[in-house]
Amino acid sequence: MPDAVRAYAGRIAGESPAYLYDLAGLDRHAAAVRGALPGVELYYAVKANPDPGLLRTLARHVDGFEVASHGEAAHVRQVLPGARLAFGGPGKTDAELALGVHRLHVESPGELARLLALGVPAEILLRVNLDVPVAGAALAMGGGATPFGMDPAGVRECLDLLAGRRRVRLRGVHAHLASGLDAGALLGLARHALAFARSLPGPAGLEINLGGGMAVSYADPEARFDWAAYGRGLAALRAPGETLRVEPGRALTAYCGWYVTRVIDVKRVHGEVFAVVAGGTHHLRTPAAKGHDQPFAVLPSPGRGRAGVTGEPVTIAGQLCTPKDVLARRVVTSIAPGDVVVFGLAGAYAWTISHHDFLMHPKPGFHHLG
């Protein structure tokens, strides 16, 4: 935990639970990612975290923002008027198809037919779902039958629909096939996507959006995605005249977010120690959703009493009336009532994916550092 985060977390302990976003840290990380990808367009996937402070910080380093709903598009346009938007995701409504974004990622022949019927101008990429190996992925959006994108037959149907059309212009393909992969695995998928895109009768200046999917390790937070190797690999793969684009989310913002809470009770039940904290998975659903232990640090309270434990396996649970409200299981630590617990890697897929209103506990606070 950076010293500035540790100090700030201690100051806001009385207001916890709260999210703390380290904007200075995010700025440095985003600048490093940008520097590792020369010649590659960098978009941020807003679904990871739409916090306005994060968006403004990222705007200094990215070429645009990927959104997946009318609400996300309106939010980004309010926070960053004039920002380039790419719109993706299955199940777009007619209103979303007509939003007038910089790039529209078309998911199916049916979606394209509705877009053409609307008669609105659009610059599009066809989202492809290729039958390629995605072993080791945390999530697979391609590589077989999924609701995302279309197989080569669907792409050919779209090309037939576009024949002779002028208001809807094909710019290339979108190929976000999997998430949770290292640089080597993502470069392997990029080779498949590029080979397929180059086989199509497409426009000059082909665009290939390779999506995100860069791995973030919650078990080993110090293990970071190798952006430098990925950038070198993409530079070697890109052909003259092509535009390569990536749109990471989690791998950009996860490291800048911290969830700060405090210990209410420590108890032993059938030989196991449980620390119950304010808040829980209704604020930070990530560990329940992904089935991992959220990394954390304990800041001892100045007046720590004897009601805690020292050097024992502890399960940290929240306030909800469900055994699934667990943030970390059997982690060896020292903890007592009144201590502050700071969970790291809470800058992506955390607050916004959580079931906020279950039991109607208060919402967390939000603080920005730097």
Protein backbone atom coordinates (compact mmCIF):
# COMPACT_ATOMS: atom_id res chain seq x y z
CA MET A 1 0.00 0.00 0.00
CA PRO A 2 1.50 3.40 -0.92
CA ASP A 3 2.29 5.56 2.10
CA ALA A 4 -0.12 8.28 0.92
CA VAL A 5 -2.95 5.75 0.64
CA ARG A 6 -2.17 4.31 4.07
CA ALA A 7 -2.22 7.77 5.68
CA TYR A 8 -5.42 8.82 3.95
CA ALA A 9 -7.15 5.54 4.81
CA GLY A 10 -6.35 6.13 8.47
CA ARG A 11 -7.86 9.62 8.30
CA ILE A 12 -11.15 8.45 6.81
CA ALA A 13 -11.50 5.35 8.98
CA GLY A 14 -14.26 6.99 10.98
CA GLU A 15 -16.25 7.59 7.78
CA SER A 16 -15.80 4.07 6.48
CA PRO A 17 -16.83 2.03 4.61
CA ALA A 18 -15.46 4.13 1.79
CA TYR A 19 -13.73 3.83 -1.55
CA LEU A 20 -10.44 5.63 -2.00
CA TYR A 21 -9.12 6.22 -5.50
CA ASP A 22 -5.43 7.05 -5.91
CA LEU A 23 -5.59 9.32 -8.96
CA ALA A 24 -1.88 10.11 -8.89
CA GLY A 25 -1.11 6.40 -8.99
CA LEU A 26 -3.59 5.90 -11.82
CA ASP A 27 -2.01 8.75 -13.76
CA ARG A 28 1.43 7.15 -13.51
CA HIS A 29 0.13 3.70 -14.45
CA ALA A 30 -1.88 4.95 -17.43
CA ALA A 31 1.10 6.95 -18.67
CA ALA A 32 3.27 3.82 -18.52
CA VAL A 33 0.69 1.78 -20.43
CA ARG A 34 0.37 4.52 -23.05
CA GLY A 35 4.15 4.60 -23.45
CA ALA A 36 4.32 0.83 -23.92
CA LEU A 37 1.90 0.90 -26.87
CA PRO A 38 3.42 3.19 -29.53
CA GLY A 39 1.28 3.33 -32.64
CA VAL A 40 -1.63 1.49 -30.98
CA GLU A 41 -4.90 3.24 -30.11
CA LEU A 42 -5.82 2.92 -26.44
CA TYR A 43 -9.45 3.06 -25.29
CA TYR A 44 -10.73 2.57 -21.74
CA ALA A 45 -13.61 0.14 -21.11
CA VAL A 46 -15.89 2.28 -18.93
CA LYS A 47 -17.75 -0.76 -17.54
CA ALA A 48 -14.73 -1.44 -15.32
CA ASN A 49 -15.30 1.77 -13.35
CA PRO A 50 -17.14 4.89 -14.53
CA ASP A 51 -16.03 7.12 -11.62
CA PRO A 52 -15.72 10.70 -12.99
CA GLY A 53 -12.37 11.28 -11.30
CA LEU A 54 -10.94 8.17 -12.94
CA LEU A 55 -12.35 9.14 -16.34
CA ARG A 56 -10.82 12.62 -16.17
CA THR A 57 -7.46 11.19 -15.18
CA LEU A 58 -7.51 8.60 -17.96
CA ALA A 59 -8.57 11.16 -20.56
CA ARG A 60 -5.00 12.49 -20.55
CA HIS A 61 -3.69 9.16 -21.81
CA VAL A 62 -6.36 7.37 -23.86
CA ASP A 63 -7.68 7.91 -27.37
CA GLY A 64 -11.29 7.20 -26.43
CA PHE A 65 -13.72 5.28 -24.25
CA GLU A 66 -15.63 2.05 -24.88
CA VAL A 67 -19.20 2.12 -23.57
CA ALA A 68 -21.84 -0.60 -23.50
CA SER A 69 -25.11 1.19 -22.76
CA HIS A 70 -27.00 4.42 -23.37
CA GLY A 71 -26.39 5.27 -19.71
CA GLU A 72 -22.61 4.85 -19.98
CA ALA A 73 -22.53 6.93 -23.16
CA ALA A 74 -24.53 9.76 -21.56
CA HIS A 75 -22.34 9.61 -18.44
CA VAL A 76 -19.06 9.90 -20.37
CA ARG A 77 -20.44 12.67 -22.55
CA GLN A 78 -21.42 14.61 -19.43
CA VAL A 79 -18.04 14.13 -17.74
CA LEU A 80 -15.94 14.51 -20.90
CA PRO A 81 -17.86 16.35 -23.64
CA GLY A 82 -16.40 15.57 -27.04
CA ALA A 83 -14.64 12.35 -26.00
CA ARG A 84 -14.42 9.66 -28.66
CA LEU A 85 -16.80 6.79 -27.92
CA ALA A 86 -16.90 3.22 -29.20
CA PHE A 87 -20.16 1.40 -28.42
CA GLY A 88 -20.08 -2.36 -27.87
CA GLY A 89 -22.06 -5.15 -26.28
CA PRO A 90 -24.95 -7.41 -27.28
CA GLY A 91 -28.59 -6.42 -27.20
CA LYS A 92 -28.38 -2.80 -28.37
CA THR A 93 -31.70 -0.98 -28.63
CA ASP A 94 -32.61 1.11 -31.66
CA ALA A 95 -31.96 4.24 -29.59
CA GLU A 96 -28.47 3.00 -28.79
CA LEU A 97 -27.77 2.14 -32.42
CA ALA A 98 -28.66 5.73 -33.34
CA LEU A 99 -26.46 7.43 -30.70
CA GLY A 100 -23.92 8.66 -33.23
CA VAL A 101 -20.70 7.37 -31.63
CA HIS A 102 -17.26 7.33 -33.22
CA ARG A 103 -17.34 3.55 -33.73
CA LEU A 104 -20.24 1.11 -33.37
CA HIS A 105 -19.41 -2.56 -32.76
CA VAL A 106 -22.07 -4.57 -34.61
CA GLU A 107 -22.84 -7.90 -32.93
CA SER A 108 -25.01 -9.74 -35.48
CA PRO A 109 -26.65 -9.61 -38.91
CA GLY A 110 -29.95 -8.83 -37.17
CA GLU A 111 -28.43 -5.87 -35.36
CA LEU A 112 -26.93 -4.61 -38.62
CA ALA A 113 -30.30 -4.96 -40.39
CA ARG A 114 -31.94 -2.81 -37.70
CA LEU A 115 -29.17 -0.22 -38.00
CA LEU A 116 -29.62 -0.06 -41.78
CA ALA A 117 -33.39 0.29 -41.38
CA LEU A 118 -32.90 3.28 -39.09
CA GLY A 119 -31.18 5.15 -41.91
CA VAL A 120 -28.63 6.81 -39.62
CA PRO A 121 -24.97 7.22 -40.57
CA ALA A 122 -22.56 4.99 -38.69
CA GLU A 123 -18.92 3.89 -38.78
CA ILE A 124 -18.90 0.24 -37.76
CA LEU A 125 -16.71 -2.68 -36.79
CA LEU A 126 -18.07 -6.22 -37.05
CA ARG A 127 -17.57 -8.15 -33.82
CA VAL A 128 -16.22 -11.59 -34.61
CA ASN A 129 -16.33 -14.77 -32.51
CA LEU A 130 -13.61 -17.00 -33.90
CA ASP A 131 -13.32 -20.73 -33.23
CA VAL A 132 -9.86 -20.50 -31.68
CA PRO A 133 -8.42 -21.83 -28.37
CA VAL A 134 -8.93 -19.57 -25.34
CA ALA A 135 -7.48 -21.94 -22.72
CA GLY A 136 -6.63 -20.32 -19.41
CA ALA A 137 -9.02 -17.41 -19.83
CA ALA A 138 -10.89 -16.13 -16.79
CA LEU A 139 -13.83 -15.36 -19.11
CA ALA A 140 -14.36 -16.51 -22.69
CA MET A 141 -16.42 -14.31 -24.99
CA GLY A 142 -15.24 -16.15 -28.09
CA GLY A 143 -13.73 -19.46 -29.11
CA GLY A 144 -17.12 -21.15 -29.44
CA ALA A 145 -20.84 -20.69 -28.94
CA THR A 146 -21.42 -17.57 -26.78
CA PRO A 147 -23.86 -14.62 -27.05
CA PHE A 148 -21.01 -12.34 -28.13
CA GLY A 149 -20.21 -11.44 -31.71
CA MET A 150 -20.73 -13.64 -34.75
CA ASP A 151 -19.08 -16.55 -36.48
CA PRO A 152 -17.62 -16.27 -40.00
CA ALA A 153 -21.00 -17.15 -41.54
CA GLY A 154 -22.59 -14.22 -39.73
CA VAL A 155 -19.80 -11.93 -40.90
CA ARG A 156 -20.41 -12.98 -44.53
CA GLU A 157 -24.12 -12.24 -44.08
CA CYS A 158 -23.22 -8.77 -42.81
CA LEU A 159 -20.96 -8.14 -45.80
CA ASP A 160 -23.86 -8.99 -48.11
CA LEU A 161 -26.14 -6.58 -46.21
CA LEU A 162 -23.55 -3.80 -46.55
CA ALA A 163 -23.11 -4.17 -50.31
CA GLY A 164 -23.87 -0.84 -51.97
CA ARG A 165 -24.57 0.97 -48.69
CA ARG A 166 -23.06 4.41 -48.13
CA ARG A 167 -24.49 5.71 -44.86
CA VAL A 168 -23.16 2.77 -42.85
CA ARG A 169 -19.45 2.31 -43.49
CA LEU A 170 -17.45 -0.77 -42.55
CA ARG A 171 -14.13 0.12 -40.92
CA GLY A 172 -12.92 -3.28 -39.74
CA VAL A 173 -13.46 -5.89 -37.04
CA HIS A 174 -13.70 -6.14 -33.28
CA ALA A 175 -12.29 -9.29 -31.68
CA HIS A 176 -12.46 -9.26 -27.88
CA LEU A 177 -12.34 -13.04 -27.39
CA ALA A 178 -11.29 -13.60 -23.77
CA SER A 179 -10.25 -12.00 -20.49
CA GLY A 180 -7.66 -12.76 -17.84
CA LEU A 181 -4.76 -13.64 -20.15
CA ASP A 182 -1.07 -12.75 -20.15
CA ALA A 183 0.69 -10.90 -22.96
CA GLY A 184 1.76 -14.03 -24.83
CA ALA A 185 -1.73 -15.51 -24.87
CA LEU A 186 -3.31 -12.23 -25.99
CA LEU A 187 -0.78 -11.89 -28.79
CA GLY A 188 -1.72 -15.39 -29.91
CA LEU A 189 -5.37 -14.36 -30.14
CA ALA A 190 -4.33 -11.18 -31.95
CA ARG A 191 -2.66 -13.27 -34.66
CA HIS A 192 -5.90 -15.17 -35.26
CA ALA A 193 -7.95 -11.95 -35.32
CA LEU A 194 -5.58 -10.22 -37.73
CA ALA A 195 -5.48 -13.19 -40.08
CA PHE A 196 -9.27 -13.28 -40.20
CA ALA A 197 -9.63 -9.52 -40.65
CA ARG A 198 -7.12 -9.48 -43.51
CA SER A 199 -9.03 -12.25 -45.28
CA LEU A 200 -12.14 -10.09 -45.60
CA PRO A 201 -12.91 -7.86 -48.60
CA GLY A 202 -12.60 -4.78 -46.40
CA PRO A 203 -11.78 -1.11 -46.75
CA ALA A 204 -8.37 0.46 -47.07
CA GLY A 205 -6.96 1.42 -43.69
CA LEU A 206 -8.34 -1.64 -41.90
CA GLU A 207 -9.11 -1.22 -38.18
CA ILE A 208 -8.80 -4.17 -35.80
CA ASN A 209 -10.00 -3.72 -32.22
CA LEU A 210 -8.41 -6.48 -30.13
CA GLY A 211 -10.41 -5.68 -27.01
CA GLY A 212 -9.05 -5.93 -23.49
CA GLY A 213 -8.65 -9.01 -21.32
CA MET A 214 -5.25 -8.22 -19.75
CA ALA A 215 -4.79 -10.38 -16.65
CA VAL A 216 -4.97 -8.94 -13.13
CA SER A 217 -3.86 -11.30 -10.35
CA TYR A 218 -5.76 -10.96 -7.07
CA ALA A 219 -3.64 -13.75 -5.57
CA ASP A 220 -0.37 -11.97 -6.42
CA PRO A 221 -1.01 -8.21 -6.78
CA GLU A 222 2.65 -7.57 -7.60
CA ALA A 223 2.40 -9.73 -10.74
CA ARG A 224 1.48 -7.23 -13.43
CA PHE A 225 0.58 -7.65 -17.08
CA ASP A 226 3.65 -7.20 -19.30
CA TRP A 227 2.61 -4.15 -21.28
CA ALA A 228 6.06 -3.70 -22.80
CA ALA A 229 6.09 -7.21 -24.27
CA TYR A 230 2.53 -6.77 -25.51
CA GLY A 231 3.39 -3.48 -27.18
CA ARG A 232 6.44 -4.96 -28.89
CA GLY A 233 4.36 -7.90 -30.09
CA LEU A 234 1.62 -5.71 -31.54
CA ALA A 235 4.19 -3.53 -33.30
CA ALA A 236 5.60 -6.64 -34.98
CA LEU A 237 2.13 -7.85 -36.01
CA ARG A 238 0.75 -4.60 -37.40
CA ALA A 239 0.84 -4.26 -41.18
CA PRO A 240 1.32 -0.89 -42.95
CA GLY A 241 -1.90 1.10 -43.07
CA GLU A 242 -3.62 -0.87 -40.30
CA THR A 243 -4.98 0.64 -37.09
CA LEU A 244 -4.74 -1.59 -34.04
CA ARG A 245 -6.84 -0.68 -31.02
CA VAL A 246 -7.07 -2.13 -27.51
CA GLU A 247 -9.64 -1.33 -24.82
CA PRO A 248 -8.53 -2.51 -21.36
CA GLY A 249 -10.65 -1.82 -18.30
CA ARG A 250 -9.66 -3.77 -15.17
CA ALA A 251 -5.94 -3.71 -16.03
CA LEU A 252 -5.97 0.10 -16.06
CA THR A 253 -7.95 0.96 -12.93
CA ALA A 254 -7.93 -2.03 -10.57
CA TYR A 255 -4.68 -1.00 -8.91
CA CYS A 256 -5.75 2.55 -8.06
CA GLY A 257 -8.80 1.58 -5.97
CA TRP A 258 -8.99 0.76 -2.24
CA TYR A 259 -12.00 -0.22 -0.12
CA VAL A 260 -11.59 1.05 3.44
CA THR A 261 -13.65 -0.41 6.27
CA ARG A 262 -13.39 -1.19 9.98
CA VAL A 263 -13.73 -4.29 12.15
CA ILE A 264 -16.94 -4.49 14.17
CA ASP A 265 -16.49 -7.89 15.80
CA VAL A 266 -14.01 -10.77 16.01
CA LYS A 267 -15.33 -14.17 17.09
CA ARG A 268 -14.47 -17.85 17.07
CA VAL A 269 -17.12 -20.27 15.76
CA HIS A 270 -16.45 -24.03 15.81
CA GLY A 271 -12.76 -23.32 16.00
CA GLU A 272 -12.61 -20.81 13.11
CA VAL A 273 -12.01 -17.08 13.51
CA PHE A 274 -14.29 -14.57 11.80
CA ALA A 275 -13.77 -10.82 11.61
CA VAL A 276 -17.00 -9.00 10.79
CA VAL A 277 -16.46 -5.65 9.09
CA ALA A 278 -18.74 -2.76 8.23
CA GLY A 279 -19.98 -3.04 4.67
CA GLY A 280 -19.29 -6.19 2.68
CA THR A 281 -20.04 -7.64 -0.73
CA HIS A 282 -22.94 -5.24 -1.28
CA HIS A 283 -20.16 -2.65 -1.64
CA LEU A 284 -17.35 -4.87 -2.98
CA ARG A 285 -18.79 -7.83 -4.86
CA THR A 286 -15.56 -8.69 -6.68
CA PRO A 287 -14.36 -11.55 -4.42
CA ALA A 288 -17.79 -13.20 -4.38
CA ALA A 289 -18.18 -12.78 -8.14
CA LYS A 290 -14.73 -14.14 -8.99
CA GLY A 291 -14.36 -16.61 -6.12
CA HIS A 292 -11.11 -15.23 -4.74
CA ASP A 293 -9.76 -13.66 -1.56
CA GLN A 294 -9.56 -9.89 -1.91
CA PRO A 295 -6.03 -8.77 -0.92
CA PHE A 296 -6.02 -6.57 2.18
CA ALA A 297 -3.91 -4.87 4.83
CA VAL A 298 -4.85 -4.31 8.47
CA LEU A 299 -4.15 -0.96 10.13
CA PRO A 300 -4.22 -1.61 13.89
CA SER A 301 -6.31 0.76 16.00
CA PRO A 302 -4.31 2.80 18.55
CA GLY A 303 -6.29 1.33 21.43
CA ARG A 304 -6.35 -2.27 20.23
CA GLY A 305 -7.69 -4.46 23.05
CA ARG A 306 -7.54 -8.16 23.79
CA ALA A 307 -10.62 -9.18 21.81
CA GLY A 308 -8.68 -9.89 18.64
CA VAL A 309 -6.36 -12.62 17.40
CA THR A 310 -2.69 -12.66 16.44
CA GLY A 311 -1.18 -14.70 13.62
CA GLU A 312 -4.19 -16.93 12.96
CA PRO A 313 -6.25 -17.82 9.87
CA VAL A 314 -9.13 -15.33 9.72
CA THR A 315 -12.18 -15.13 7.46
CA ILE A 316 -13.33 -11.57 6.85
CA ALA A 317 -17.09 -11.30 6.42
CA GLY A 318 -19.49 -8.40 5.95
CA GLN A 319 -22.78 -7.38 7.52
CA LEU A 320 -25.16 -9.19 5.17
CA CYS A 321 -27.44 -12.03 6.25
CA THR A 322 -25.90 -14.55 3.86
CA PRO A 323 -22.89 -16.88 4.19
CA LYS A 324 -21.75 -15.64 0.78
CA ASP A 325 -20.87 -12.22 2.21
CA VAL A 326 -17.17 -13.05 2.49
CA LEU A 327 -14.29 -10.86 1.34
CA ALA A 328 -11.38 -13.17 2.22
CA ARG A 329 -11.18 -16.69 3.68
CA ARG A 330 -8.72 -18.10 6.21
CA VAL A 331 -5.97 -15.57 5.65
CA VAL A 332 -3.33 -15.57 8.38
CA THR A 333 -3.30 -12.14 10.01
CA SER A 334 -3.63 -10.24 13.28
CA ILE A 335 -6.90 -8.37 13.72
CA ALA A 336 -9.11 -6.88 16.43
CA PRO A 337 -12.32 -4.83 16.75
CA GLY A 338 -11.69 -1.21 15.80
CA ASP A 339 -8.91 -2.01 13.33
CA VAL A 340 -9.10 -0.56 9.84
CA VAL A 341 -9.03 -3.03 6.95
CA VAL A 342 -7.98 -1.71 3.54
CA PHE A 343 -8.77 -3.95 0.56
CA GLY A 344 -6.65 -3.41 -2.53
CA LEU A 345 -7.34 -4.00 -6.22
CA ALA A 346 -10.74 -2.37 -5.74
CA GLY A 347 -10.59 0.04 -8.67
CA ALA A 348 -12.47 -2.14 -11.18
CA TYR A 349 -15.66 -4.22 -11.19
CA ALA A 350 -16.23 -3.42 -7.54
CA TRP A 351 -18.83 -0.85 -6.46
CA THR A 352 -20.77 -0.68 -9.72
CA ILE A 353 -21.31 -4.46 -9.98
CA SER A 354 -22.42 -4.83 -6.35
CA HIS A 355 -25.98 -5.43 -5.10
CA HIS A 356 -26.20 -2.06 -3.36
CA ASP A 357 -29.67 -2.23 -1.85
CA PHE A 358 -29.64 -5.66 -0.25
CA LEU A 359 -30.50 -5.04 3.45
CA MET A 360 -30.49 -1.30 2.70
CA HIS A 361 -27.21 -0.53 4.46
CA PRO A 362 -25.70 2.95 3.88
CA LYS A 363 -23.76 3.50 0.68
CA PRO A 364 -19.97 3.89 1.00
CA GLY A 365 -18.21 7.20 0.77
CA PHE A 366 -15.93 8.09 -2.15
CA HIS A 367 -12.60 9.88 -1.84
CA HIS A 368 -9.97 10.85 -4.38
CA LEU A 369 -6.30 11.19 -3.58
CA GLY A 370 -4.02 13.23 -5.86
